[in-house]
Amino acid sequence: MPHIEIKTKKNIYPGEAQKIIDKQTVVGVITTGTISPDAKKRFDEAGIAWAEKVPETEFRESEAKEEG
């Protein structure tokens, strides 16, 4: 089933990007850290959307809204 990976790692490098790509079910990656240029290229080539430097507060606020 297609899904979005959320990572709280500081950086995503090509090796980790390839592991995510190899799952063949990931359609997007969101991280609170950064994604290296080579990892971004791999995601782009695999058709996987990505977002980096997303503040953790964005996740906490969304969680609070869902509960309330």
Protein backbone atom coordinates (compact mmCIF):
# COMPACT_ATOMS: atom_id res chain seq x y z
CA MET A 1 0.00 0.00 0.00
CA PRO A 2 1.44 3.44 -0.91
CA HIS A 3 2.55 5.51 2.05
CA ILE A 4 4.60 8.51 3.16
CA GLU A 5 7.73 8.00 5.25
CA ILE A 6 8.31 10.49 8.06
CA LYS A 7 11.88 10.65 9.32
CA THR A 8 13.23 12.54 12.30
CA LYS A 9 16.82 11.90 11.33
CA LYS A 10 19.15 14.81 10.90
CA ASN A 11 20.19 13.85 7.35
CA ILE A 12 19.12 11.38 4.68
CA TYR A 13 21.95 10.21 2.46
CA PRO A 14 21.85 8.08 -0.73
CA GLY A 15 22.11 4.76 1.14
CA GLU A 16 19.04 5.46 3.25
CA ALA A 17 17.25 6.92 0.22
CA GLN A 18 17.86 3.70 -1.70
CA LYS A 19 16.44 1.62 1.17
CA ILE A 20 13.30 3.75 1.07
CA ILE A 21 13.08 3.45 -2.73
CA ASP A 22 13.56 -0.33 -2.54
CA LYS A 23 10.39 -0.66 -0.46
CA GLN A 24 8.50 0.23 -3.67
CA THR A 25 5.53 1.52 -1.68
CA VAL A 26 6.78 4.95 -0.62
CA VAL A 27 5.27 7.92 -2.48
CA GLY A 28 6.74 10.68 -0.31
CA VAL A 29 9.40 11.36 2.31
CA ILE A 30 9.20 14.07 4.96
CA THR A 31 12.11 14.77 7.29
CA THR A 32 12.86 17.21 10.08
CA GLY A 33 16.48 17.16 8.90
CA THR A 34 18.03 17.52 5.48
CA ILE A 35 18.26 15.37 2.38
CA SER A 36 21.57 15.24 0.55
CA PRO A 37 21.64 16.35 -3.10
CA ASP A 38 22.35 12.77 -4.27
CA ALA A 39 19.46 11.41 -2.18
CA LYS A 40 17.14 14.07 -3.63
CA LYS A 41 18.22 13.01 -7.12
CA ARG A 42 17.43 9.37 -6.33
CA PHE A 43 14.01 10.29 -4.96
CA ASP A 44 13.30 12.44 -8.02
CA GLU A 45 14.32 9.63 -10.38
CA ALA A 46 12.09 7.19 -8.47
CA GLY A 47 9.12 9.58 -8.57
CA ILE A 48 9.09 10.04 -4.80
CA ALA A 49 8.11 13.47 -3.47
CA TRP A 50 10.22 14.84 -0.62
CA ALA A 51 10.28 17.67 1.89
CA GLU A 52 13.11 18.54 4.25
CA LYS A 53 13.62 20.80 7.27
CA VAL A 54 9.99 20.42 8.36
CA PRO A 55 9.81 21.64 11.98
CA GLU A 56 8.69 19.05 14.52
CA THR A 57 6.09 21.56 15.71
CA GLU A 58 4.25 21.00 12.42
CA PHE A 59 3.69 17.37 13.41
CA ARG A 60 2.74 18.17 16.98
CA GLU A 61 0.22 20.81 15.92
CA SER A 62 -1.37 18.44 13.41
CA GLU A 63 -1.60 15.73 16.03
CA ALA A 64 -3.27 18.09 18.50
CA LYS A 65 -5.79 19.19 15.88
CA GLU A 66 -6.70 15.60 15.07
CA GLU A 67 -7.27 14.75 18.72
CA GLY A 68 -9.39 17.81 19.41
